[in-house]
Amino acid sequence: MSADSQYGTTPANVTQIVNINANCEIFYQTTWTRGAWGTSTSSAYAYLKNGGSMVAYTTYDGTASGPSSSTFTGYWGTMELTISCGTNTIGLAELRW
């Protein structure tokens, strides 16, 4: 499952919900970059929740950034993956299990 957003061309906020309902390992990754218009003018964020409880939270300050990832093990129910991009920001949030 992935969500991506670039302010001005696609929705700036994207949320996806999935029901895993299993005890397993999950992989969360975010990748950020500036858009084609030069400098990003605002911050962006992404988060992963399990049943409303925060699992991971990532922010972006407007500078180029490669992937940032984490692996978690546990029982996962209803997962919420959300990404929000500011002006001239391109972001990708991924959840794998």
C-alpha atoms as a PDB file:
ATOM      1  CA  MET A   1       0.000   0.000   0.000  1.00  0.00           C
ATOM      2  CA  SER A   2       1.353   3.443  -0.820  1.00  0.00           C
ATOM      3  CA  ALA A   3       0.193   7.043  -0.887  1.00  0.00           C
ATOM      4  CA  ASP A   4       1.825   9.948  -2.633  1.00  0.00           C
ATOM      5  CA  SER A   5       1.036  13.608  -2.955  1.00  0.00           C
ATOM      6  CA  GLN A   6       2.361  16.742  -4.654  1.00  0.00           C
ATOM      7  CA  TYR A   7       0.695  19.973  -3.627  1.00  0.00           C
ATOM      8  CA  GLY A   8      -0.913  21.729  -6.570  1.00  0.00           C
ATOM      9  CA  THR A   9      -1.191  18.741  -8.913  1.00  0.00           C
ATOM     10  CA  THR A  10      -2.735  15.963  -6.812  1.00  0.00           C
ATOM     11  CA  PRO A  11      -4.477  15.942  -3.422  1.00  0.00           C
ATOM     12  CA  ALA A  12      -2.179  17.376  -0.764  1.00  0.00           C
ATOM     13  CA  ASN A  13      -3.523  14.904   1.828  1.00  0.00           C
ATOM     14  CA  VAL A  14      -3.959  11.192   1.156  1.00  0.00           C
ATOM     15  CA  THR A  15      -5.139   8.513   3.606  1.00  0.00           C
ATOM     16  CA  GLN A  16      -5.450   4.797   2.998  1.00  0.00           C
ATOM     17  CA  ILE A  17      -6.908   2.215   5.388  1.00  0.00           C
ATOM     18  CA  VAL A  18      -6.140  -1.503   5.388  1.00  0.00           C
ATOM     19  CA  ASN A  19      -7.104  -4.353   7.728  1.00  0.00           C
ATOM     20  CA  ILE A  20      -4.150  -6.662   8.325  1.00  0.00           C
ATOM     21  CA  ASN A  21      -5.564  -8.559  11.358  1.00  0.00           C
ATOM     22  CA  ALA A  22      -2.422 -10.638  11.868  1.00  0.00           C
ATOM     23  CA  ASN A  23       0.664 -10.952  14.035  1.00  0.00           C
ATOM     24  CA  CYS A  24       3.453 -10.161  11.577  1.00  0.00           C
ATOM     25  CA  GLU A  25       6.292  -7.858  10.605  1.00  0.00           C
ATOM     26  CA  ILE A  26       5.433  -4.598   8.847  1.00  0.00           C
ATOM     27  CA  PHE A  27       7.709  -2.227   6.936  1.00  0.00           C
ATOM     28  CA  TYR A  28       7.045   1.551   6.883  1.00  0.00           C
ATOM     29  CA  GLN A  29       8.999   3.841   4.555  1.00  0.00           C
ATOM     30  CA  THR A  30       8.803   7.488   3.515  1.00  0.00           C
ATOM     31  CA  THR A  31      10.637   9.301   0.719  1.00  0.00           C
ATOM     32  CA  TRP A  32      10.531  13.074   0.211  1.00  0.00           C
ATOM     33  CA  THR A  33      11.798  15.498  -2.410  1.00  0.00           C
ATOM     34  CA  ARG A  34      11.202  19.021  -3.655  1.00  0.00           C
ATOM     35  CA  GLY A  35       8.933  19.466  -6.655  1.00  0.00           C
ATOM     36  CA  ALA A  36       9.851  21.099  -9.958  1.00  0.00           C
ATOM     37  CA  TRP A  37       9.207  24.658  -8.771  1.00  0.00           C
ATOM     38  CA  GLY A  38      12.415  25.019  -6.707  1.00  0.00           C
ATOM     39  CA  THR A  39      12.353  25.359  -2.949  1.00  0.00           C
ATOM     40  CA  SER A  40       9.624  23.796  -0.834  1.00  0.00           C
ATOM     41  CA  THR A  41       7.871  26.492   1.163  1.00  0.00           C
ATOM     42  CA  SER A  42       6.283  24.419   3.901  1.00  0.00           C
ATOM     43  CA  SER A  43       6.779  21.198   5.795  1.00  0.00           C
ATOM     44  CA  ALA A  44       5.101  17.870   5.165  1.00  0.00           C
ATOM     45  CA  TYR A  45       4.401  14.769   7.250  1.00  0.00           C
ATOM     46  CA  ALA A  46       3.377  11.137   7.076  1.00  0.00           C
ATOM     47  CA  TYR A  47       2.179   8.767   9.773  1.00  0.00           C
ATOM     48  CA  LEU A  48       1.109   5.200  10.379  1.00  0.00           C
ATOM     49  CA  LYS A  49      -1.532   4.298  12.970  1.00  0.00           C
ATOM     50  CA  ASN A  50      -2.764   0.939  14.260  1.00  0.00           C
ATOM     51  CA  GLY A  51      -6.347   1.130  15.557  1.00  0.00           C
ATOM     52  CA  GLY A  52      -5.916   4.859  16.229  1.00  0.00           C
ATOM     53  CA  SER A  53      -2.567   4.508  18.056  1.00  0.00           C
ATOM     54  CA  MET A  54       0.475   6.143  16.468  1.00  0.00           C
ATOM     55  CA  VAL A  55       3.082   3.631  15.239  1.00  0.00           C
ATOM     56  CA  ALA A  56       5.367   5.951  13.248  1.00  0.00           C
ATOM     57  CA  TYR A  57       5.509   9.653  12.358  1.00  0.00           C
ATOM     58  CA  THR A  58       7.847  11.246   9.795  1.00  0.00           C
ATOM     59  CA  THR A  59       8.300  14.921   8.896  1.00  0.00           C
ATOM     60  CA  TYR A  60       9.956  16.712   5.993  1.00  0.00           C
ATOM     61  CA  ASP A  61      11.495  20.186   6.274  1.00  0.00           C
ATOM     62  CA  GLY A  62      11.876  21.061   2.583  1.00  0.00           C
ATOM     63  CA  THR A  63      15.367  19.708   1.874  1.00  0.00           C
ATOM     64  CA  ALA A  64      15.963  16.728  -0.411  1.00  0.00           C
ATOM     65  CA  SER A  65      15.713  13.451   1.481  1.00  0.00           C
ATOM     66  CA  GLY A  66      16.215   9.814   0.599  1.00  0.00           C
ATOM     67  CA  PRO A  67      14.127   6.999   2.032  1.00  0.00           C
ATOM     68  CA  SER A  68      13.611   6.638   5.772  1.00  0.00           C
ATOM     69  CA  SER A  69      12.320   3.267   6.945  1.00  0.00           C
ATOM     70  CA  SER A  70      11.386   1.264  10.031  1.00  0.00           C
ATOM     71  CA  THR A  71      10.333  -2.321  10.673  1.00  0.00           C
ATOM     72  CA  PHE A  72       7.880  -3.280  13.427  1.00  0.00           C
ATOM     73  CA  THR A  73       6.625  -6.638  14.721  1.00  0.00           C
ATOM     74  CA  GLY A  74       3.326  -7.192  16.509  1.00  0.00           C
ATOM     75  CA  TYR A  75      -0.379  -7.714  16.041  1.00  0.00           C
ATOM     76  CA  TRP A  76      -1.778  -5.302  13.461  1.00  0.00           C
ATOM     77  CA  GLY A  77      -5.468  -4.600  13.028  1.00  0.00           C
ATOM     78  CA  THR A  78      -6.847  -1.626  11.107  1.00  0.00           C
ATOM     79  CA  MET A  79      -3.895   0.377   9.788  1.00  0.00           C
ATOM     80  CA  GLU A  80      -4.112   4.010   8.668  1.00  0.00           C
ATOM     81  CA  LEU A  81      -1.388   5.391   6.382  1.00  0.00           C
ATOM     82  CA  THR A  82      -1.566   9.174   5.867  1.00  0.00           C
ATOM     83  CA  ILE A  83       0.675  11.600   3.985  1.00  0.00           C
ATOM     84  CA  SER A  84       0.353  15.372   3.725  1.00  0.00           C
ATOM     85  CA  CYS A  85       2.519  17.452   1.408  1.00  0.00           C
ATOM     86  CA  GLY A  86       3.088  21.194   1.531  1.00  0.00           C
ATOM     87  CA  THR A  87       3.789  23.541  -1.361  1.00  0.00           C
ATOM     88  CA  ASN A  88       6.223  22.088  -3.915  1.00  0.00           C
ATOM     89  CA  THR A  89       6.755  18.844  -2.010  1.00  0.00           C
ATOM     90  CA  ILE A  90       6.574  15.319  -3.386  1.00  0.00           C
ATOM     91  CA  GLY A  91       6.187  12.535  -0.847  1.00  0.00           C
ATOM     92  CA  LEU A  92       5.731   8.788  -0.890  1.00  0.00           C
ATOM     93  CA  ALA A  93       4.632   6.743   2.129  1.00  0.00           C
ATOM     94  CA  GLU A  94       4.684   2.936   1.936  1.00  0.00           C
ATOM     95  CA  LEU A  95       3.416   0.149   4.162  1.00  0.00           C
ATOM     96  CA  ARG A  96       4.389  -3.440   3.415  1.00  0.00           C
ATOM     97  CA  TRP A  97       3.608  -6.646   5.270  1.00  0.00           C
END
